[in-house]
Amino acid sequence: MDLVLDNLTKEFGEFVAVDHINITMTSGVYGLLGVNGAGKTTLMRMLCTLLKPTDGNIYCSGKDIFKMEEEYRNLLGYLPQDFGFYPEFTVKDYLLYIAAIKGIRPAVARKRTKELIAKVGLTKAADKKLKKLSGGMKRRAGIAQAMINNPQILILDEPTAGLDPNERIRFRNLISELSEERMVLLSTHIVSDIEYIANEILMMKDGAIINQGTLDKIIDSMPERVWTCSVRPQEVSAITKRYKVSNMKSEHGGVDLRIISAEKPYESAVFACSSDA
């Protein structure tokens, strides 16, 4: 199975939110990386048939997804950035409710619900009301509802937003597990969310895909690099005037700097990674 975006474009009046995108995706994890406002959510909403493109098409195994209707939706699992839930429902009742909406037979729904609650680590919270769950637990419940129909295409919009560092790690591990034999598209503006789990990264800016490939390939293509170094406090002013300093931290009588530069900015500087700019 593949998903082909052919010249995909979405305009809102004179504003171009998604600008002539051409991508082919198969199984594996795709990380959609871009700042807020880059067009990630609009792109995902079109992939979920919630928005129709102004121009271009989306094909699933050669078929137009907007003509496939239920056939396509049966293949799809979606977790929006702000997913809706009923606060008085327990985790188990919420998943059974979503299963009923998707037309899953009760016996299958009960079995699937039990399996997913265990997989996302919510067994002890299965009978808790959603309103009493932490942010991370709610996101895990959101993943479970997206997986209830065992989708072949899983679309996750900013799934780690608002999570603490430990929950982010748990979430990345969960996504990695769920990606076996299916296509996962995960959007974020944080590189660390996808650098270890994405088979391919799609960098989006101003509605267009400006770079794509493995992390190593994208790093090699970047004109600027991120360097780290420790300098004396009196040297900081001169360095900030000459280079783009993304972060600084006072440490043991010195200052640790992260500098974005194509060239090595300081003799003691050590290469860290590519620029996130």
Protein backbone atom coordinates (compact mmCIF):
# COMPACT_ATOMS: atom_id res chain seq x y z
CA MET A 1 0.00 0.00 0.00
CA ASP A 2 1.18 3.52 -0.74
CA LEU A 3 -0.13 7.03 -0.31
CA VAL A 4 0.68 9.45 -3.14
CA LEU A 5 0.30 13.22 -2.86
CA ASP A 6 0.18 14.63 -6.37
CA ASN A 7 0.64 18.41 -6.69
CA LEU A 8 -1.41 18.81 -3.50
CA THR A 9 -2.45 22.40 -2.83
CA LYS A 10 -4.77 24.10 -0.36
CA GLU A 11 -5.61 27.79 -0.48
CA PHE A 12 -7.73 29.88 1.86
CA GLY A 13 -8.51 32.95 -0.21
CA GLU A 14 -5.15 34.40 -1.20
CA PHE A 15 -3.28 32.46 1.51
CA VAL A 16 -1.55 29.27 0.33
CA ALA A 17 -1.49 26.87 3.29
CA VAL A 18 -0.19 23.85 1.34
CA ASP A 19 1.83 24.57 -1.77
CA HIS A 20 2.06 21.96 -4.56
CA ILE A 21 3.34 19.02 -2.53
CA ASN A 22 4.47 15.80 -4.24
CA ILE A 23 5.28 12.87 -1.94
CA THR A 24 4.95 9.09 -2.00
CA MET A 25 4.73 7.30 1.36
CA THR A 26 4.71 3.58 2.11
CA SER A 27 5.09 1.72 5.42
CA GLY A 28 7.27 3.14 8.19
CA VAL A 29 7.40 6.33 10.25
CA TYR A 30 7.43 9.70 8.49
CA GLY A 31 8.26 12.73 10.61
CA LEU A 32 6.64 15.95 9.41
CA LEU A 33 8.84 18.68 10.85
CA GLY A 34 8.06 22.39 10.79
CA VAL A 35 7.37 25.43 12.93
CA ASN A 36 3.82 26.28 13.98
CA GLY A 37 2.01 27.71 10.96
CA ALA A 38 4.06 25.76 8.41
CA GLY A 39 0.94 23.98 7.08
CA LYS A 40 1.33 20.63 8.84
CA THR A 41 -2.20 20.46 10.26
CA THR A 42 -3.82 21.54 6.98
CA LEU A 43 -1.90 18.81 5.16
CA MET A 44 -2.95 16.20 7.69
CA ARG A 45 -6.59 17.26 7.59
CA MET A 46 -6.57 16.73 3.83
CA LEU A 47 -5.02 13.29 4.29
CA CYS A 48 -7.91 12.53 6.66
CA THR A 49 -10.48 13.83 4.10
CA LEU A 50 -11.56 16.57 6.53
CA LEU A 51 -10.49 19.23 4.02
CA LYS A 52 -10.66 19.05 0.24
CA PRO A 53 -7.63 20.30 -1.70
CA THR A 54 -7.88 23.37 -3.90
CA ASP A 55 -5.76 21.56 -6.48
CA GLY A 56 -4.03 18.20 -6.83
CA ASN A 57 -4.97 14.74 -5.61
CA ILE A 58 -4.25 12.14 -2.95
CA TYR A 59 -4.16 8.50 -4.03
CA CYS A 60 -4.19 5.41 -1.84
CA SER A 61 -2.90 2.43 -3.83
CA GLY A 62 -3.92 4.24 -7.01
CA LYS A 63 -7.42 5.30 -5.84
CA ASP A 64 -8.54 8.85 -5.12
CA ILE A 65 -9.14 8.92 -1.34
CA PHE A 66 -12.07 11.33 -1.69
CA LYS A 67 -13.84 8.79 -3.91
CA MET A 68 -13.00 5.79 -1.71
CA GLU A 69 -15.10 7.17 1.18
CA GLU A 70 -15.65 4.42 3.82
CA GLU A 71 -13.10 2.11 2.20
CA TYR A 72 -10.39 4.69 2.92
CA ARG A 73 -11.65 5.67 6.37
CA ASN A 74 -11.47 2.01 7.41
CA LEU A 75 -7.73 2.16 6.70
CA LEU A 76 -7.25 5.36 8.67
CA GLY A 77 -6.49 6.24 12.29
CA TYR A 78 -6.22 9.92 13.28
CA LEU A 79 -5.16 11.75 16.42
CA PRO A 80 -5.70 15.51 16.02
CA GLN A 81 -3.68 17.95 18.09
CA ASP A 82 -6.73 18.70 20.24
CA PHE A 83 -8.77 15.53 20.15
CA GLY A 84 -12.28 15.58 21.58
CA PHE A 85 -13.36 13.30 24.37
CA TYR A 86 -16.20 12.98 26.83
CA PRO A 87 -14.78 13.84 30.28
CA GLU A 88 -17.28 11.65 32.15
CA PHE A 89 -16.41 8.53 30.10
CA THR A 90 -13.92 6.05 31.49
CA VAL A 91 -11.02 5.07 29.24
CA LYS A 92 -12.66 1.72 28.50
CA ASP A 93 -16.11 3.21 27.78
CA TYR A 94 -14.57 5.88 25.54
CA LEU A 95 -12.78 3.29 23.40
CA LEU A 96 -15.91 1.14 23.16
CA TYR A 97 -17.86 4.22 22.09
CA ILE A 98 -15.34 5.06 19.36
CA ALA A 99 -15.43 1.42 18.23
CA ALA A 100 -19.22 1.58 17.93
CA ILE A 101 -19.00 4.77 15.84
CA LYS A 102 -16.56 2.99 13.52
CA GLY A 103 -18.93 0.04 13.14
CA ILE A 104 -16.76 -2.53 14.90
CA ARG A 105 -18.69 -5.56 16.19
CA PRO A 106 -19.12 -5.54 20.01
CA ALA A 107 -17.17 -8.76 20.63
CA VAL A 108 -14.26 -7.53 18.49
CA ALA A 109 -14.45 -4.08 20.10
CA ARG A 110 -14.20 -5.48 23.63
CA LYS A 111 -11.17 -7.60 22.72
CA ARG A 112 -9.49 -4.77 20.84
CA THR A 113 -10.15 -2.30 23.66
CA LYS A 114 -8.55 -4.58 26.25
CA GLU A 115 -5.49 -5.14 24.02
CA LEU A 116 -5.00 -1.44 23.30
CA ILE A 117 -5.43 -0.33 26.90
CA ALA A 118 -2.60 -2.70 27.81
CA LYS A 119 -0.45 -1.63 24.85
CA VAL A 120 -0.64 2.07 25.73
CA GLY A 121 0.00 1.40 29.41
CA LEU A 122 -3.42 2.35 30.78
CA THR A 123 -4.52 -0.96 32.35
CA LYS A 124 -4.64 0.52 35.87
CA ALA A 125 -6.54 3.55 34.58
CA ALA A 126 -9.05 1.66 32.41
CA ASP A 127 -11.96 2.50 34.71
CA LYS A 128 -10.88 6.07 35.45
CA LYS A 129 -12.79 8.98 33.96
CA LEU A 130 -10.93 10.80 31.22
CA LYS A 131 -11.20 14.12 33.06
CA LYS A 132 -9.06 12.68 35.88
CA LEU A 133 -6.19 11.56 33.66
CA SER A 134 -2.90 13.42 33.26
CA GLY A 135 -2.04 15.04 29.93
CA GLY A 136 0.21 12.15 28.97
CA MET A 137 -2.42 9.56 29.84
CA LYS A 138 -5.01 11.42 27.77
CA ARG A 139 -2.65 11.39 24.77
CA ARG A 140 -2.18 7.64 25.24
CA ALA A 141 -5.96 7.23 25.29
CA GLY A 142 -6.00 9.30 22.09
CA ILE A 143 -3.52 6.92 20.45
CA ALA A 144 -5.68 3.98 21.52
CA GLN A 145 -8.79 5.48 19.90
CA ALA A 146 -6.83 6.12 16.70
CA MET A 147 -5.75 2.45 16.69
CA ILE A 148 -9.13 0.92 17.56
CA ASN A 149 -9.83 -0.15 13.95
CA ASN A 150 -6.25 -1.46 13.46
CA PRO A 151 -5.53 1.15 10.75
CA GLN A 152 -2.94 0.77 8.01
CA ILE A 153 -2.45 4.56 7.96
CA LEU A 154 -1.91 6.33 11.28
CA ILE A 155 -1.82 10.15 11.30
CA LEU A 156 -0.73 11.93 14.48
CA ASP A 157 -0.82 15.72 14.71
CA GLU A 158 1.62 17.07 17.36
CA PRO A 159 1.03 14.03 19.61
CA THR A 160 3.69 15.02 22.16
CA ALA A 161 2.46 18.60 22.66
CA GLY A 162 2.34 19.47 26.35
CA LEU A 163 3.99 16.27 27.56
CA ASP A 164 6.82 16.16 30.07
CA PRO A 165 10.19 14.62 29.02
CA ASN A 166 9.41 11.15 30.42
CA GLU A 167 6.03 11.04 28.67
CA ARG A 168 7.68 12.14 25.41
CA ILE A 169 10.09 9.20 25.62
CA ARG A 170 7.25 6.78 26.43
CA PHE A 171 5.23 8.17 23.53
CA ARG A 172 8.09 7.83 21.03
CA ASN A 173 8.64 4.22 22.08
CA LEU A 174 4.93 3.52 21.68
CA ILE A 175 4.85 5.04 18.17
CA SER A 176 7.87 2.95 17.21
CA GLU A 177 6.03 -0.19 18.34
CA LEU A 178 2.84 0.74 16.51
CA SER A 179 4.64 1.48 13.23
CA GLU A 180 5.24 -2.16 12.33
CA GLU A 181 3.59 -2.99 8.99
CA ARG A 182 1.75 0.34 8.75
CA MET A 183 2.39 3.90 7.64
CA VAL A 184 2.70 6.49 10.42
CA LEU A 185 2.82 10.24 9.72
CA LEU A 186 3.80 12.18 12.83
CA SER A 187 3.93 15.98 12.87
CA THR A 188 6.01 18.03 15.30
CA HIS A 189 8.15 21.16 15.58
CA ILE A 190 10.63 19.42 17.88
CA VAL A 191 13.47 17.50 16.23
CA SER A 192 14.03 15.13 19.17
CA ASP A 193 10.46 13.79 18.81
CA ILE A 194 11.33 12.13 15.50
CA GLU A 195 15.11 11.88 15.13
CA TYR A 196 15.28 8.32 16.49
CA ILE A 197 12.00 6.83 15.23
CA ALA A 198 11.40 8.38 11.79
CA ASN A 199 12.49 6.41 8.74
CA GLU A 200 12.15 9.61 6.73
CA ILE A 201 11.81 13.25 7.71
CA LEU A 202 9.76 15.76 5.71
CA MET A 203 10.71 19.37 6.46
CA MET A 204 7.85 21.78 5.84
CA LYS A 205 8.00 25.56 5.59
CA ASP A 206 5.42 28.04 4.28
CA GLY A 207 3.25 25.19 3.01
CA ALA A 208 5.97 23.48 0.98
CA ILE A 209 8.25 20.51 1.58
CA ILE A 210 11.70 22.08 1.52
CA ASN A 211 13.74 18.96 2.31
CA GLN A 212 13.16 15.26 2.83
CA GLY A 213 15.16 12.16 3.57
CA THR A 214 16.86 10.43 6.46
CA LEU A 215 18.18 12.51 9.34
CA ASP A 216 21.79 12.01 8.19
CA LYS A 217 20.93 13.06 4.65
CA ILE A 218 19.19 16.22 5.85
CA ILE A 219 22.06 17.09 8.20
CA ASP A 220 24.57 16.70 5.36
CA SER A 221 22.52 19.02 3.15
CA MET A 222 22.36 21.84 5.69
CA PRO A 223 24.67 24.82 5.03
CA GLU A 224 24.79 25.65 8.75
CA ARG A 225 25.71 23.50 11.74
CA VAL A 226 25.17 23.74 15.47
CA TRP A 227 28.37 23.95 17.51
CA THR A 228 28.83 23.87 21.27
CA CYS A 229 31.66 25.48 23.19
CA SER A 230 32.52 26.91 26.59
CA VAL A 231 33.96 30.44 26.72
CA ARG A 232 34.87 33.04 29.32
CA PRO A 233 32.06 35.48 30.23
CA GLN A 234 33.95 38.46 28.79
CA GLU A 235 34.10 36.76 25.36
CA VAL A 236 30.33 36.31 25.01
CA SER A 237 29.56 39.81 23.71
CA ALA A 238 32.00 39.57 20.79
CA ILE A 239 30.79 36.09 19.83
CA THR A 240 27.11 37.06 19.85
CA LYS A 241 27.87 39.99 17.54
CA ARG A 242 29.62 37.74 15.04
CA TYR A 243 27.57 34.54 15.22
CA LYS A 244 23.99 33.39 15.74
CA VAL A 245 23.85 32.07 19.31
CA SER A 246 20.81 29.87 19.90
CA ASN A 247 21.42 29.19 23.58
CA MET A 248 23.74 30.13 26.40
CA LYS A 249 24.13 28.83 29.93
CA SER A 250 26.42 29.98 32.76
CA GLU A 251 28.42 27.04 34.07
CA HIS A 252 31.32 26.92 36.60
CA GLY A 253 32.68 30.40 35.91
CA GLY A 254 32.27 30.07 32.13
CA VAL A 255 29.43 30.22 29.61
CA ASP A 256 28.29 27.27 27.50
CA LEU A 257 27.14 28.39 24.03
CA ARG A 258 25.25 26.76 21.18
CA ILE A 259 26.25 28.56 17.98
CA ILE A 260 24.71 28.19 14.52
CA SER A 261 27.39 28.64 11.88
CA ALA A 262 28.61 27.13 8.61
CA GLU A 263 32.20 27.41 9.85
CA LYS A 264 33.80 26.40 13.12
CA PRO A 265 33.20 29.53 15.24
CA TYR A 266 35.70 28.94 18.01
CA GLU A 267 38.80 26.83 18.41
CA SER A 268 37.28 24.71 21.18
CA ALA A 269 33.87 24.40 19.47
CA VAL A 270 32.51 20.90 18.95
CA PHE A 271 30.06 19.97 16.19
CA ALA A 272 26.65 19.12 17.67
CA CYS A 273 24.10 18.73 14.86
CA SER A 274 22.50 20.53 11.91
CA SER A 275 20.67 23.80 12.33
CA ASP A 276 16.97 23.61 13.24
CA ALA A 277 16.38 26.85 11.36
